Each structure stands twice: as structure tokens, then as C-alpha cells.
Amino acid sequence: MSSQNPDPLEDHITGLEPGGGVPPGETPPAEASTGGPQGHDEGGPPRGTQVAVLIVIGIVVLLCLLFFVGYIVGLL
């Protein structure tokens, strides 16, 4: 069962080239780029806080490693 196209003038739409392409100048211009900074600088935690967190993580990893090595060797 086939139905008729509800838009009988589909082949005569302005701005379309044969095959459905759009010629240059028929589309709106691209958006403008922004050259300046956007918003505000977020910043972040102080550098000392970052170093302290990394040191704590390193100590926890080292303790876990020592525990498993001691368990394998038979010290615990």
C-alpha cells in the first residue's frame, strides 16, 4: 500500500539544488567565536592540600604492600 506525498511541491522547494544540496549563501552564517576568557577562574585547593593527600595515599599503599608481603613471607 502506497500513499501520496502530502507535500506536492516537494521538488520545488527554494534553495535546494538538484539532488538535495544547498548552494552557498542559503544557510545562515556560522556562530561567532569568543576570544576572551569565559566566566571566572575556578581555582582549586591549595597546593599543600594536594601534596598532603598524595602523601596519605602513598602511606596507605605502602602499609598495604608491607602487610601483604609480611603475610606471604609468614611474619604475620
C-alpha atoms as a PDB file:
ATOM      1  CA  MET A   1       0.000   0.000   0.000  1.00  0.00           C
ATOM      2  CA  SER A   2       1.494   3.325  -1.020  1.00  0.00           C
ATOM      3  CA  SER A   3       0.366   6.780  -0.066  1.00  0.00           C
ATOM      4  CA  GLN A   4       0.779  10.059  -1.855  1.00  0.00           C
ATOM      5  CA  ASN A   5       3.268  12.634  -0.703  1.00  0.00           C
ATOM      6  CA  PRO A   6       1.389  15.182   1.461  1.00  0.00           C
ATOM      7  CA  ASP A   7       3.589  17.965   0.051  1.00  0.00           C
ATOM      8  CA  PRO A   8       3.040  18.018  -3.717  1.00  0.00           C
ATOM      9  CA  LEU A   9       5.573  20.849  -4.199  1.00  0.00           C
ATOM     10  CA  GLU A  10       8.458  18.993  -2.534  1.00  0.00           C
ATOM     11  CA  ASP A  11      10.518  19.086  -5.728  1.00  0.00           C
ATOM     12  CA  HIS A  12      10.124  22.878  -5.978  1.00  0.00           C
ATOM     13  CA  ILE A  13      11.454  23.974  -2.577  1.00  0.00           C
ATOM     14  CA  THR A  14      13.514  27.142  -2.891  1.00  0.00           C
ATOM     15  CA  GLY A  15      17.168  26.930  -2.003  1.00  0.00           C
ATOM     16  CA  LEU A  16      17.702  23.273  -2.905  1.00  0.00           C
ATOM     17  CA  GLU A  17      19.819  22.156  -5.796  1.00  0.00           C
ATOM     18  CA  PRO A  18      19.031  19.016  -7.760  1.00  0.00           C
ATOM     19  CA  GLY A  19      19.979  16.077  -5.553  1.00  0.00           C
ATOM     20  CA  GLY A  20      19.120  17.879  -2.328  1.00  0.00           C
ATOM     21  CA  GLY A  21      22.246  20.013  -1.861  1.00  0.00           C
ATOM     22  CA  VAL A  22      22.146  23.563  -0.582  1.00  0.00           C
ATOM     23  CA  PRO A  23      24.002  26.262  -2.530  1.00  0.00           C
ATOM     24  CA  PRO A  24      26.419  28.599  -0.707  1.00  0.00           C
ATOM     25  CA  GLY A  25      24.686  31.605   0.811  1.00  0.00           C
ATOM     26  CA  GLU A  26      21.406  29.822   1.554  1.00  0.00           C
ATOM     27  CA  THR A  27      22.399  28.782   5.074  1.00  0.00           C
ATOM     28  CA  PRO A  28      22.882  31.202   7.968  1.00  0.00           C
ATOM     29  CA  PRO A  29      26.454  32.165   8.857  1.00  0.00           C
ATOM     30  CA  ALA A  30      28.335  30.134  11.426  1.00  0.00           C
ATOM     31  CA  GLU A  31      28.287  31.309  15.020  1.00  0.00           C
ATOM     32  CA  ALA A  32      30.899  33.790  16.124  1.00  0.00           C
ATOM     33  CA  SER A  33      33.778  32.563  18.225  1.00  0.00           C
ATOM     34  CA  THR A  34      34.632  34.127  21.536  1.00  0.00           C
ATOM     35  CA  GLY A  35      38.126  35.387  22.037  1.00  0.00           C
ATOM     36  CA  GLY A  36      38.024  36.461  25.661  1.00  0.00           C
ATOM     37  CA  PRO A  37      38.022  34.424  28.827  1.00  0.00           C
ATOM     38  CA  GLN A  38      34.739  32.803  29.775  1.00  0.00           C
ATOM     39  CA  GLY A  39      33.427  33.089  33.312  1.00  0.00           C
ATOM     40  CA  HIS A  40      35.807  33.168  36.240  1.00  0.00           C
ATOM     41  CA  ASP A  41      38.853  31.186  37.169  1.00  0.00           C
ATOM     42  CA  GLU A  42      37.770  28.256  39.311  1.00  0.00           C
ATOM     43  CA  GLY A  43      40.972  27.956  41.262  1.00  0.00           C
ATOM     44  CA  GLY A  44      41.247  24.859  43.371  1.00  0.00           C
ATOM     45  CA  PRO A  45      42.559  23.568  46.644  1.00  0.00           C
ATOM     46  CA  PRO A  46      45.912  24.915  47.776  1.00  0.00           C
ATOM     47  CA  ARG A  47      48.976  23.046  46.581  1.00  0.00           C
ATOM     48  CA  GLY A  48      49.785  21.930  50.132  1.00  0.00           C
ATOM     49  CA  THR A  49      46.457  20.111  50.362  1.00  0.00           C
ATOM     50  CA  GLN A  50      47.140  18.242  47.140  1.00  0.00           C
ATOM     51  CA  VAL A  51      50.584  17.157  48.335  1.00  0.00           C
ATOM     52  CA  ALA A  52      49.189  16.048  51.723  1.00  0.00           C
ATOM     53  CA  VAL A  53      46.505  13.905  50.060  1.00  0.00           C
ATOM     54  CA  LEU A  54      49.096  12.251  47.809  1.00  0.00           C
ATOM     55  CA  ILE A  55      51.360  11.534  50.798  1.00  0.00           C
ATOM     56  CA  VAL A  56      48.464   9.956  52.748  1.00  0.00           C
ATOM     57  CA  ILE A  57      47.532   7.790  49.748  1.00  0.00           C
ATOM     58  CA  GLY A  58      51.186   6.747  49.373  1.00  0.00           C
ATOM     59  CA  ILE A  59      51.416   5.781  53.060  1.00  0.00           C
ATOM     60  CA  VAL A  60      48.224   3.686  52.833  1.00  0.00           C
ATOM     61  CA  VAL A  61      49.502   1.913  49.722  1.00  0.00           C
ATOM     62  CA  LEU A  62      52.869   1.271  51.375  1.00  0.00           C
ATOM     63  CA  LEU A  63      51.227  -0.159  54.521  1.00  0.00           C
ATOM     64  CA  CYS A  64      49.015  -2.455  52.425  1.00  0.00           C
ATOM     65  CA  LEU A  65      52.042  -3.608  50.445  1.00  0.00           C
ATOM     66  CA  LEU A  66      54.017  -4.306  53.636  1.00  0.00           C
ATOM     67  CA  PHE A  67      51.063  -6.213  55.112  1.00  0.00           C
ATOM     68  CA  PHE A  68      50.728  -8.489  52.079  1.00  0.00           C
ATOM     69  CA  VAL A  69      54.489  -9.046  51.803  1.00  0.00           C
ATOM     70  CA  GLY A  70      54.611  -9.890  55.514  1.00  0.00           C
ATOM     71  CA  TYR A  71      51.685 -12.258  55.147  1.00  0.00           C
ATOM     72  CA  ILE A  72      53.313 -14.031  52.197  1.00  0.00           C
ATOM     73  CA  VAL A  73      56.657 -14.333  53.998  1.00  0.00           C
ATOM     74  CA  GLY A  74      54.938 -15.579  57.149  1.00  0.00           C
ATOM     75  CA  LEU A  75      55.726 -12.796  59.549  1.00  0.00           C
ATOM     76  CA  LEU A  76      52.100 -12.220  60.462  1.00  0.00           C
END
